[in-house]
Amino acid sequence: RVACGQTPREVLRLFARVFFASGRQGHPRRVDDDIAVVGDGIARDLRALDTTVADPRALVVVRAVRRDTAALRRALAGLDSVALAAPRELQTAVSFQVAAEGYLLLGDSATAYARLQEFDARLLFLSPQAQYSNSFGGLTASIQTWGRTWLRLADLAAARGDRAIAVHNYQRVIGLWRGADPAFQPMVQHAREALTRLGG
């Protein structure tokens, strides 16, 4: 079951807004970019981009939004080769968030689940003092996606019968967003209903 606002393409569009809004890839920032809005506009923007970006996370996002399945597989292989080899002490958690959504687009939920478990293991090493505010791999970019990532991890865990992991992550979502703006409440409700089904 996919939570409201949680299709892989929607989540990757959110990453796209986080990433390209800073102009770090040399692309001009649109004055009406809004990180809280995930809509068709970003897809049009990304299809017009030069896709020879160097950052492997950005390349996965671009290939996914351009609906190029073969290129997405190659981009994910490239991202995996970098991210999985990196020590956990490096600030690499966001790479696994991006990879998981890419694998879900390809219908590979097992690999997506493995990448989200790796994300969770590396989350411990994120440090606000070690980040630059505009860094795609840093705390500012990553924290805006944590709730969605925990919800995704919980849903995949529940589908696999990993009850403890599912309950823990649904509780994280509720704790993070129970007092959040109305736009987030469908995801909180999804987490509450899932917890009830699990007896958590």
Protein backbone atom coordinates (compact mmCIF):
# COMPACT_ATOMS: atom_id res chain seq x y z
CA ARG A 1 0.00 0.00 0.00
CA VAL A 2 1.36 3.43 -0.97
CA ALA A 3 0.80 6.30 1.44
CA CYS A 4 -0.68 9.58 0.24
CA GLY A 5 1.97 11.64 -1.54
CA GLN A 6 4.35 8.72 -1.46
CA THR A 7 4.71 7.42 -5.02
CA PRO A 8 8.41 7.04 -5.87
CA ARG A 9 8.18 9.63 -8.63
CA GLU A 10 6.61 12.16 -6.26
CA VAL A 11 9.33 11.64 -3.68
CA LEU A 12 12.08 11.93 -6.30
CA ARG A 13 10.53 15.18 -7.50
CA LEU A 14 10.85 16.45 -3.96
CA PHE A 15 14.53 15.53 -4.00
CA ALA A 16 14.81 17.35 -7.31
CA ARG A 17 13.46 20.54 -5.80
CA VAL A 18 15.82 20.26 -2.85
CA PHE A 19 18.78 19.63 -5.10
CA PHE A 20 18.29 21.96 -8.04
CA ALA A 21 16.88 24.89 -6.05
CA SER A 22 20.37 25.76 -4.82
CA GLY A 23 21.79 25.96 -8.35
CA ARG A 24 24.72 23.78 -7.31
CA GLN A 25 24.68 22.00 -10.68
CA GLY A 26 25.00 25.28 -12.59
CA HIS A 27 21.33 25.51 -13.51
CA PRO A 28 19.49 28.76 -12.75
CA ARG A 29 17.01 28.73 -9.92
CA ARG A 30 13.39 29.43 -10.83
CA VAL A 31 12.03 32.26 -8.72
CA ASP A 32 8.80 30.32 -8.07
CA ASP A 33 10.47 27.12 -6.89
CA ASP A 34 8.83 25.96 -3.66
CA ILE A 35 10.29 23.00 -1.82
CA ALA A 36 6.90 22.14 -0.32
CA VAL A 37 5.23 21.78 -3.71
CA VAL A 38 5.78 18.59 -5.67
CA GLY A 39 4.07 18.98 -8.99
CA ASP A 40 4.37 18.52 -12.73
CA GLY A 41 6.43 21.68 -13.05
CA ILE A 42 9.56 19.98 -11.77
CA ALA A 43 9.19 17.21 -14.32
CA ARG A 44 9.11 19.76 -17.12
CA ASP A 45 12.14 21.51 -15.64
CA LEU A 46 14.14 18.30 -15.36
CA ARG A 47 13.34 17.10 -18.85
CA ALA A 48 14.90 20.31 -20.14
CA LEU A 49 18.10 19.89 -18.13
CA ASP A 50 21.46 18.83 -19.46
CA THR A 51 21.58 15.38 -17.86
CA THR A 52 25.36 15.13 -17.77
CA VAL A 53 25.37 16.17 -14.09
CA ALA A 54 28.28 14.76 -12.13
CA ASP A 55 26.54 13.97 -8.84
CA PRO A 56 25.29 10.34 -9.03
CA ARG A 57 22.31 11.15 -6.78
CA ALA A 58 21.18 13.92 -9.11
CA LEU A 59 21.62 11.64 -12.11
CA VAL A 60 19.24 9.06 -10.59
CA VAL A 61 16.65 11.78 -10.02
CA VAL A 62 16.93 13.13 -13.56
CA ARG A 63 16.78 9.69 -15.20
CA ALA A 64 13.76 8.75 -13.10
CA VAL A 65 11.77 11.86 -13.91
CA ARG A 66 12.68 11.52 -17.59
CA ARG A 67 11.19 7.98 -17.44
CA ASP A 68 14.29 6.43 -18.99
CA THR A 69 14.29 2.96 -17.42
CA ALA A 70 17.53 1.68 -18.95
CA ALA A 71 19.40 4.86 -18.02
CA LEU A 72 17.89 4.74 -14.53
CA ARG A 73 19.28 1.24 -14.01
CA ARG A 74 22.74 2.44 -15.05
CA ALA A 75 22.47 5.50 -12.79
CA LEU A 76 21.46 3.37 -9.82
CA ALA A 77 24.40 1.03 -10.40
CA GLY A 78 26.70 4.04 -10.42
CA LEU A 79 25.19 5.45 -7.24
CA ASP A 80 25.41 2.09 -5.48
CA SER A 81 29.07 1.69 -6.40
CA VAL A 82 29.86 4.98 -4.67
CA ALA A 83 27.46 4.93 -1.74
CA LEU A 84 27.89 1.33 -0.60
CA ALA A 85 31.68 1.69 -0.60
CA ALA A 86 31.63 4.82 1.55
CA PRO A 87 32.32 4.48 5.30
CA ARG A 88 29.22 4.90 7.41
CA GLU A 89 30.88 7.83 9.16
CA LEU A 90 30.54 9.88 5.97
CA GLN A 91 27.35 11.87 5.46
CA THR A 92 25.89 9.54 2.84
CA ALA A 93 22.40 8.73 4.15
CA VAL A 94 20.61 10.73 1.46
CA SER A 95 22.17 8.58 -1.29
CA PHE A 96 20.24 5.58 -0.01
CA GLN A 97 16.99 7.53 0.16
CA VAL A 98 17.34 8.44 -3.51
CA ALA A 99 18.40 4.92 -4.50
CA ALA A 100 15.44 3.33 -2.73
CA GLU A 101 12.91 5.41 -4.65
CA GLY A 102 14.68 4.59 -7.91
CA TYR A 103 14.52 0.87 -7.22
CA LEU A 104 10.84 1.13 -6.35
CA LEU A 105 10.23 2.75 -9.73
CA LEU A 106 11.82 -0.32 -11.27
CA GLY A 107 9.61 -2.62 -9.19
CA ASP A 108 12.47 -3.90 -7.03
CA SER A 109 11.11 -3.56 -3.50
CA ALA A 110 13.68 -5.93 -1.98
CA THR A 111 16.62 -3.74 -3.01
CA ALA A 112 14.69 -0.62 -2.05
CA TYR A 113 14.15 -2.05 1.42
CA ALA A 114 17.84 -2.88 1.76
CA ARG A 115 18.81 0.67 0.78
CA LEU A 116 16.39 2.16 3.33
CA GLN A 117 17.85 -0.03 6.05
CA GLU A 118 21.28 1.29 5.09
CA PHE A 119 19.87 4.83 5.23
CA ASP A 120 18.64 4.20 8.77
CA ALA A 121 22.03 2.85 9.86
CA ARG A 122 23.82 5.92 8.49
CA LEU A 123 21.33 8.41 9.87
CA LEU A 124 23.14 8.23 13.21
CA PHE A 125 26.17 9.89 11.67
CA LEU A 126 24.43 13.01 10.37
CA SER A 127 25.75 16.04 12.26
CA PRO A 128 24.44 19.61 11.92
CA GLN A 129 27.90 20.97 12.69
CA ALA A 130 29.41 19.06 9.78
CA GLN A 131 27.01 20.28 7.09
CA TYR A 132 26.61 23.22 4.78
CA SER A 133 23.02 24.45 4.58
CA ASN A 134 22.81 24.07 0.78
CA SER A 135 24.42 20.66 0.54
CA PHE A 136 22.23 18.04 -1.14
CA GLY A 137 23.80 15.33 0.99
CA GLY A 138 23.66 17.39 4.14
CA LEU A 139 21.28 17.81 7.01
CA THR A 140 19.13 20.55 5.48
CA ALA A 141 18.27 18.56 2.38
CA SER A 142 17.96 15.24 4.13
CA ILE A 143 15.81 16.31 7.07
CA GLN A 144 13.04 17.49 4.76
CA THR A 145 12.61 13.90 3.59
CA TRP A 146 13.05 11.91 6.79
CA GLY A 147 9.34 11.55 7.52
CA ARG A 148 8.58 10.24 4.04
CA THR A 149 11.55 7.90 4.21
CA TRP A 150 10.50 6.48 7.58
CA LEU A 151 7.01 5.95 6.22
CA ARG A 152 8.39 4.18 3.17
CA LEU A 153 10.62 2.00 5.36
CA ALA A 154 7.67 1.16 7.61
CA ASP A 155 5.42 0.22 4.67
CA LEU A 156 8.05 -2.01 3.13
CA ALA A 157 8.83 -3.62 6.49
CA ALA A 158 5.14 -4.29 7.12
CA ALA A 159 4.77 -5.87 3.68
CA ARG A 160 7.70 -8.20 4.45
CA GLY A 161 6.40 -9.10 7.92
CA ASP A 162 9.16 -7.23 9.78
CA ARG A 163 6.77 -5.99 12.45
CA ALA A 164 9.28 -4.40 14.85
CA ILE A 165 10.86 -2.26 12.14
CA ALA A 166 7.46 -1.26 10.79
CA VAL A 167 6.09 -0.26 14.20
CA HIS A 168 9.22 1.71 15.09
CA ASN A 169 9.11 3.73 11.88
CA TYR A 170 5.36 4.38 11.93
CA GLN A 171 5.87 5.75 15.44
CA ARG A 172 8.66 7.99 14.14
CA VAL A 173 6.34 9.43 11.51
CA ILE A 174 3.61 10.14 14.03
CA GLY A 175 6.07 11.70 16.47
CA LEU A 176 7.55 13.94 13.77
CA TRP A 177 4.36 15.11 12.06
CA ARG A 178 1.46 14.80 14.51
CA GLY A 179 1.44 18.60 14.96
CA ALA A 180 2.49 19.41 11.40
CA ASP A 181 0.56 21.34 8.73
CA PRO A 182 -2.60 19.78 7.23
CA ALA A 183 -0.73 18.68 4.10
CA PHE A 184 1.19 16.14 6.21
CA GLN A 185 -1.77 14.74 8.11
CA PRO A 186 -2.78 12.10 5.50
CA MET A 187 0.61 10.49 6.03
CA VAL A 188 0.19 10.66 9.82
CA GLN A 189 -3.22 9.05 9.46
CA HIS A 190 -1.74 6.35 7.22
CA ALA A 191 0.84 5.61 9.92
CA ARG A 192 -1.79 5.50 12.67
CA GLU A 193 -4.01 3.12 10.70
CA ALA A 194 -1.05 0.88 9.91
CA LEU A 195 -0.05 0.80 13.58
CA THR A 196 -3.56 -0.23 14.52
CA ARG A 197 -3.45 -3.09 12.02
CA LEU A 198 -0.14 -4.20 13.47
CA GLY A 199 -1.38 -3.92 17.05
CA GLY A 200 1.30 -1.34 17.83
